[in-house]
Amino acid sequence: MDLEKTKNRFYETIFEADTRKGKLFDEVLMVLIVLSILVVIFGSVNSINQKIGLFLRILEWVITVLFTIEYATRIWVSPNPFRYIFSFYGLIDLLALLPNYLGIFLPGAQNLIVIRGLRVMRIFRILKLSRYTSAGRIILNALWNSREKITVFIIFVIILAVIIGTFMFLIEGPESGFKDIPTSIYWAIVTLTTVGYGDLSPTTHFGQMLSSFVMILGYSILAVPTGIVTANIIGKHHSNTQVCSKCMYDKHDDDALYCKRCGTSLEVKKNITR
């Protein structure tokens, strides 16, 4: 009985961030996560590693042990341990621990420790950013619903890059660094996306004119996928806007069936509009 109470207390602390202990636990965990990432970052700098490398390694192992205890505790108190282990965050927790332990048995495995950086995604759960995660779902849904238009757009950009790259190869040639068509296509993609590495640049007047046109075209192209996704989000918002026929309240969730204010069924309104 005492063991069950202990498990419940740990569960409330670890999994329920709304409690006082849960908030404190999440704050401590967030500090450890950020600290572990800083250790990895500073440990990759040779000058810093030479001075405080031993301290960083000790600190890394202290954090790893704490994360191991946290991971084991989550499994212990979870109502369905296997569900947690194979969940997204469960796998991230495991991947954050494996590199250090692999480093004991496999030389060079410490390089995998950058996987710990994925653990920073836990910050979203700690901060309980429900509004931002719901907004993220809206964007993902808009991207998925716009996938056909975006696919057509990407194909168009690829065809355009091939055409521009071929023209640039014919205009400039190997003398200017455009040694073949694939290299010229690479230049076209870099220029269209406004990245502009600068490793290739035209030297002839016609080449520079084409390059200027491609740069301007690149800014226009960047706006197209944004417009596609935005139009989908706006259209989805309007299609899901439901006004209560009784109290005229209109700030309902997309999947709402009843009015938040008076409880009137919104299905009646849907049937009328259909």
Protein backbone atom coordinates (compact mmCIF):
# COMPACT_ATOMS: atom_id res chain seq x y z
CA MET A 1 0.00 0.00 0.00
CA ASP A 2 2.83 2.39 0.91
CA LEU A 3 4.60 1.45 -2.31
CA GLU A 4 1.51 2.29 -4.33
CA LYS A 5 1.23 5.69 -2.61
CA THR A 6 4.89 6.33 -3.35
CA LYS A 7 4.37 5.50 -7.02
CA ASN A 8 1.38 7.84 -7.15
CA ARG A 9 3.38 10.67 -5.61
CA PHE A 10 6.21 10.15 -8.10
CA TYR A 11 3.71 9.97 -10.95
CA GLU A 12 2.11 13.28 -9.95
CA THR A 13 5.54 14.89 -9.70
CA ILE A 14 6.93 13.58 -13.00
CA PHE A 15 3.93 13.40 -15.31
CA GLU A 16 1.61 16.12 -13.97
CA ALA A 17 3.18 19.53 -14.49
CA ASP A 18 0.15 21.37 -13.08
CA THR A 19 1.07 20.52 -9.50
CA ARG A 20 3.57 22.52 -7.47
CA LYS A 21 6.01 19.61 -7.26
CA GLY A 22 5.50 18.88 -10.95
CA LYS A 23 6.39 22.44 -11.94
CA LEU A 24 9.48 22.36 -9.74
CA PHE A 25 10.53 19.01 -11.22
CA ASP A 26 10.09 20.32 -14.76
CA GLU A 27 12.10 23.45 -13.98
CA VAL A 28 14.97 21.39 -12.58
CA LEU A 29 14.75 19.03 -15.54
CA MET A 30 14.86 21.93 -17.98
CA VAL A 31 17.99 23.28 -16.30
CA LEU A 32 19.63 19.85 -16.56
CA ILE A 33 18.67 19.56 -20.23
CA VAL A 34 20.13 22.97 -21.09
CA LEU A 35 23.21 22.26 -18.98
CA SER A 36 23.79 18.91 -20.70
CA ILE A 37 23.58 20.57 -24.13
CA LEU A 38 26.05 23.27 -23.05
CA VAL A 39 28.43 20.57 -21.84
CA VAL A 40 28.29 18.90 -25.25
CA ILE A 41 28.80 22.22 -27.06
CA PHE A 42 31.73 23.40 -24.95
CA GLY A 43 33.23 19.92 -24.93
CA SER A 44 33.59 20.09 -28.70
CA VAL A 45 35.85 23.18 -28.46
CA ASN A 46 39.47 22.02 -28.19
CA SER A 47 40.73 25.06 -26.27
CA ILE A 48 37.99 24.70 -23.64
CA ASN A 49 38.31 20.93 -23.55
CA GLN A 50 42.03 21.16 -22.79
CA LYS A 51 41.40 23.42 -19.79
CA ILE A 52 38.29 21.96 -18.16
CA GLY A 53 37.80 18.73 -20.10
CA LEU A 54 37.88 16.59 -16.95
CA PHE A 55 35.30 18.79 -15.23
CA LEU A 56 33.01 18.63 -18.27
CA ARG A 57 33.26 14.83 -18.43
CA ILE A 58 32.46 14.50 -14.72
CA LEU A 59 29.54 16.90 -15.07
CA GLU A 60 28.33 14.99 -18.11
CA TRP A 61 28.31 11.73 -16.19
CA VAL A 62 26.53 13.29 -13.21
CA ILE A 63 23.81 14.55 -15.54
CA THR A 64 23.67 11.19 -17.31
CA VAL A 65 23.16 9.37 -14.01
CA LEU A 66 20.37 11.79 -13.07
CA PHE A 67 18.72 11.28 -16.46
CA THR A 68 19.04 7.52 -16.01
CA ILE A 69 17.29 7.70 -12.65
CA GLU A 70 14.58 9.86 -14.19
CA TYR A 71 14.13 7.45 -17.12
CA ALA A 72 13.93 4.41 -14.83
CA THR A 73 11.47 6.22 -12.55
CA ARG A 74 9.23 7.10 -15.49
CA ILE A 75 9.12 3.44 -16.49
CA TRP A 76 8.40 2.38 -12.91
CA VAL A 77 5.50 4.77 -12.26
CA SER A 78 3.99 4.66 -15.75
CA PRO A 79 0.63 2.80 -15.90
CA ASN A 80 1.77 1.30 -19.20
CA PRO A 81 5.60 1.08 -19.17
CA PHE A 82 5.92 -0.34 -22.69
CA ARG A 83 3.75 2.43 -24.09
CA TYR A 84 6.07 5.02 -22.54
CA ILE A 85 9.24 3.22 -23.65
CA PHE A 86 8.15 3.16 -27.29
CA SER A 87 6.56 6.61 -27.24
CA PHE A 88 8.28 9.56 -28.91
CA TYR A 89 9.59 11.07 -25.67
CA GLY A 90 10.47 7.65 -24.30
CA LEU A 91 12.70 6.98 -27.31
CA ILE A 92 14.24 10.44 -27.01
CA ASP A 93 15.02 9.76 -23.34
CA LEU A 94 16.66 6.47 -24.27
CA LEU A 95 18.68 8.01 -27.11
CA ALA A 96 19.89 10.70 -24.72
CA LEU A 97 21.35 8.03 -22.43
CA LEU A 98 22.79 5.48 -24.86
CA PRO A 99 25.81 7.45 -26.18
CA ASN A 100 27.51 7.74 -22.79
CA TYR A 101 27.02 4.08 -21.96
CA LEU A 102 28.09 3.03 -25.44
CA GLY A 103 31.23 5.09 -24.94
CA ILE A 104 32.31 2.69 -22.20
CA PHE A 105 32.26 -0.31 -24.52
CA LEU A 106 32.75 1.16 -28.02
CA PRO A 107 35.65 3.52 -28.82
CA GLY A 108 34.50 6.68 -30.57
CA ALA A 109 30.87 6.25 -29.61
CA GLN A 110 31.03 9.47 -27.60
CA ASN A 111 30.62 11.32 -30.90
CA LEU A 112 27.01 10.16 -30.85
CA ILE A 113 26.35 12.28 -27.80
CA VAL A 114 24.92 15.04 -30.00
CA ILE A 115 21.75 12.94 -29.90
CA ARG A 116 21.24 14.49 -26.48
CA GLY A 117 20.39 17.69 -28.30
CA LEU A 118 17.09 16.08 -29.28
CA ARG A 119 16.19 16.12 -25.62
CA VAL A 120 15.64 19.86 -25.85
CA MET A 121 12.25 19.03 -27.40
CA ARG A 122 11.18 18.11 -23.88
CA ILE A 123 11.13 21.84 -23.15
CA PHE A 124 7.87 22.11 -25.09
CA ARG A 125 6.22 19.66 -22.73
CA ILE A 126 7.71 21.34 -19.66
CA LEU A 127 6.44 24.75 -20.66
CA LYS A 128 3.01 23.35 -21.46
CA LEU A 129 2.72 25.42 -24.63
CA SER A 130 -0.65 24.02 -25.59
CA ARG A 131 -1.51 27.03 -27.71
CA TYR A 132 1.67 26.73 -29.72
CA THR A 133 1.36 22.99 -30.18
CA SER A 134 -2.21 23.43 -31.43
CA ALA A 135 -0.96 26.11 -33.81
CA GLY A 136 1.72 23.68 -34.93
CA ARG A 137 -0.94 21.09 -35.71
CA ILE A 138 -2.79 23.67 -37.81
CA ILE A 139 0.36 24.36 -39.84
CA LEU A 140 1.12 20.64 -40.27
CA ASN A 141 -2.44 19.98 -41.38
CA ALA A 142 -2.21 22.88 -43.83
CA LEU A 143 1.04 21.48 -45.23
CA TRP A 144 -0.50 18.04 -45.59
CA ASN A 145 -3.65 19.39 -47.25
CA SER A 146 -1.50 21.48 -49.62
CA ARG A 147 0.86 18.61 -50.46
CA GLU A 148 -0.33 18.23 -54.07
CA LYS A 149 0.08 21.93 -54.86
CA ILE A 150 3.45 22.04 -53.11
CA THR A 151 4.60 18.94 -55.03
CA VAL A 152 3.64 20.56 -58.34
CA PHE A 153 5.45 23.73 -57.25
CA ILE A 154 8.63 21.79 -56.37
CA ILE A 155 8.55 19.98 -59.72
CA PHE A 156 8.17 23.35 -61.45
CA VAL A 157 11.18 24.75 -59.55
CA ILE A 158 13.28 21.70 -60.48
CA ILE A 159 12.37 22.07 -64.16
CA LEU A 160 13.12 25.80 -63.97
CA ALA A 161 16.51 25.11 -62.33
CA VAL A 162 17.39 22.63 -65.09
CA ILE A 163 16.48 25.14 -67.81
CA ILE A 164 18.34 28.03 -66.15
CA GLY A 165 21.36 25.84 -65.40
CA THR A 166 21.53 24.65 -69.00
CA PHE A 167 21.37 28.23 -70.31
CA MET A 168 24.08 29.33 -67.89
CA PHE A 169 26.30 26.43 -69.00
CA LEU A 170 25.88 27.49 -72.63
CA ILE A 171 26.56 31.15 -71.81
CA GLU A 172 29.50 30.81 -69.39
CA GLY A 173 31.06 27.42 -70.07
CA PRO A 174 33.93 25.69 -68.24
CA GLU A 175 36.12 28.81 -68.45
CA SER A 176 34.00 30.52 -65.77
CA GLY A 177 33.74 27.48 -63.52
CA PHE A 178 30.51 26.12 -65.01
CA LYS A 179 32.27 22.93 -66.08
CA ASP A 180 29.14 20.88 -66.76
CA ILE A 181 25.34 21.07 -66.67
CA PRO A 182 24.94 19.48 -63.17
CA THR A 183 27.28 22.13 -61.73
CA SER A 184 25.28 24.83 -63.50
CA ILE A 185 22.02 23.38 -62.14
CA TYR A 186 23.56 23.48 -58.65
CA TRP A 187 24.31 27.18 -59.20
CA ALA A 188 20.74 27.77 -60.40
CA ILE A 189 19.24 26.12 -57.29
CA VAL A 190 21.54 28.05 -54.96
CA THR A 191 20.64 31.32 -56.69
CA LEU A 192 16.91 30.62 -56.92
CA THR A 193 16.73 29.88 -53.20
CA THR A 194 18.64 33.14 -52.51
CA VAL A 195 21.36 31.23 -50.64
CA GLY A 196 24.20 32.46 -52.83
CA TYR A 197 27.30 30.63 -51.60
CA GLY A 198 29.52 32.64 -53.94
CA ASP A 199 31.58 29.67 -55.07
CA LEU A 200 30.30 30.14 -58.63
CA SER A 201 29.57 33.45 -60.33
CA PRO A 202 29.15 34.44 -63.98
CA THR A 203 31.78 36.62 -65.63
CA THR A 204 30.15 37.48 -68.97
CA HIS A 205 27.57 40.24 -69.41
CA PHE A 206 24.88 37.83 -70.58
CA GLY A 207 25.61 35.54 -67.64
CA GLN A 208 25.37 38.41 -65.17
CA MET A 209 22.08 39.53 -66.72
CA LEU A 210 20.68 36.01 -66.39
CA SER A 211 22.00 35.83 -62.83
CA SER A 212 20.24 39.09 -61.92
CA PHE A 213 16.98 37.81 -63.38
CA VAL A 214 17.27 34.55 -61.42
CA MET A 215 17.93 36.44 -58.17
CA ILE A 216 14.79 38.55 -58.60
CA LEU A 217 12.83 35.46 -59.63
CA GLY A 218 14.03 33.69 -56.50
CA TYR A 219 12.30 36.17 -54.20
CA SER A 220 9.05 35.68 -56.09
CA ILE A 221 9.32 31.90 -55.90
CA LEU A 222 9.84 31.93 -52.13
CA ALA A 223 6.44 33.59 -51.68
CA VAL A 224 4.51 30.88 -53.55
CA PRO A 225 4.55 28.03 -50.96
CA THR A 226 3.85 30.55 -48.20
CA GLY A 227 0.76 31.72 -50.08
CA ILE A 228 -0.41 28.15 -50.69
CA VAL A 229 -0.18 27.18 -47.02
CA THR A 230 -1.65 30.49 -45.80
CA ALA A 231 -4.62 30.17 -48.15
CA ASN A 232 -5.26 26.67 -46.83
CA ILE A 233 -5.13 27.84 -43.21
CA ILE A 234 -7.51 30.74 -43.90
CA GLY A 235 -9.88 28.52 -45.87
CA LYS A 236 -9.85 25.92 -43.11
CA HIS A 237 -10.55 28.61 -40.52
CA HIS A 238 -13.53 29.99 -42.42
CA SER A 239 -14.95 26.55 -43.16
CA ASN A 240 -14.85 25.66 -39.46
CA THR A 241 -16.27 28.93 -38.13
CA GLN A 242 -19.54 28.05 -36.39
CA VAL A 243 -21.98 30.62 -35.03
CA CYS A 244 -24.50 29.54 -32.42
CA SER A 245 -28.02 30.06 -33.75
CA LYS A 246 -29.29 30.92 -30.27
CA CYS A 247 -26.74 33.25 -28.66
CA MET A 248 -24.63 34.08 -31.77
CA TYR A 249 -21.39 33.08 -30.01
CA ASP A 250 -18.75 32.36 -32.68
CA LYS A 251 -15.49 31.54 -30.89
CA HIS A 252 -15.80 27.77 -30.92
CA ASP A 253 -13.14 25.10 -31.42
CA ASP A 254 -12.94 23.53 -34.87
CA ASP A 255 -14.39 20.23 -33.62
CA ALA A 256 -16.99 21.75 -31.26
CA LEU A 257 -20.43 20.10 -31.25
CA TYR A 258 -22.11 22.35 -28.66
CA CYS A 259 -21.99 26.07 -27.94
CA LYS A 260 -19.52 27.03 -25.21
CA ARG A 261 -21.82 29.75 -23.91
CA CYS A 262 -25.35 28.28 -23.93
CA GLY A 263 -24.89 24.61 -24.81
CA THR A 264 -27.00 24.67 -27.98
CA SER A 265 -26.12 21.96 -30.49
CA LEU A 266 -24.05 23.29 -33.37
CA GLU A 267 -25.05 20.36 -35.55
CA VAL A 268 -28.37 22.10 -36.26
CA LYS A 269 -26.51 25.01 -37.79
CA LYS A 270 -24.41 22.64 -39.91
CA ASN A 271 -27.45 20.81 -41.25
CA ILE A 272 -29.14 24.09 -42.20
CA THR A 273 -26.07 25.33 -44.10
CA ARG A 274 -25.83 22.06 -45.97
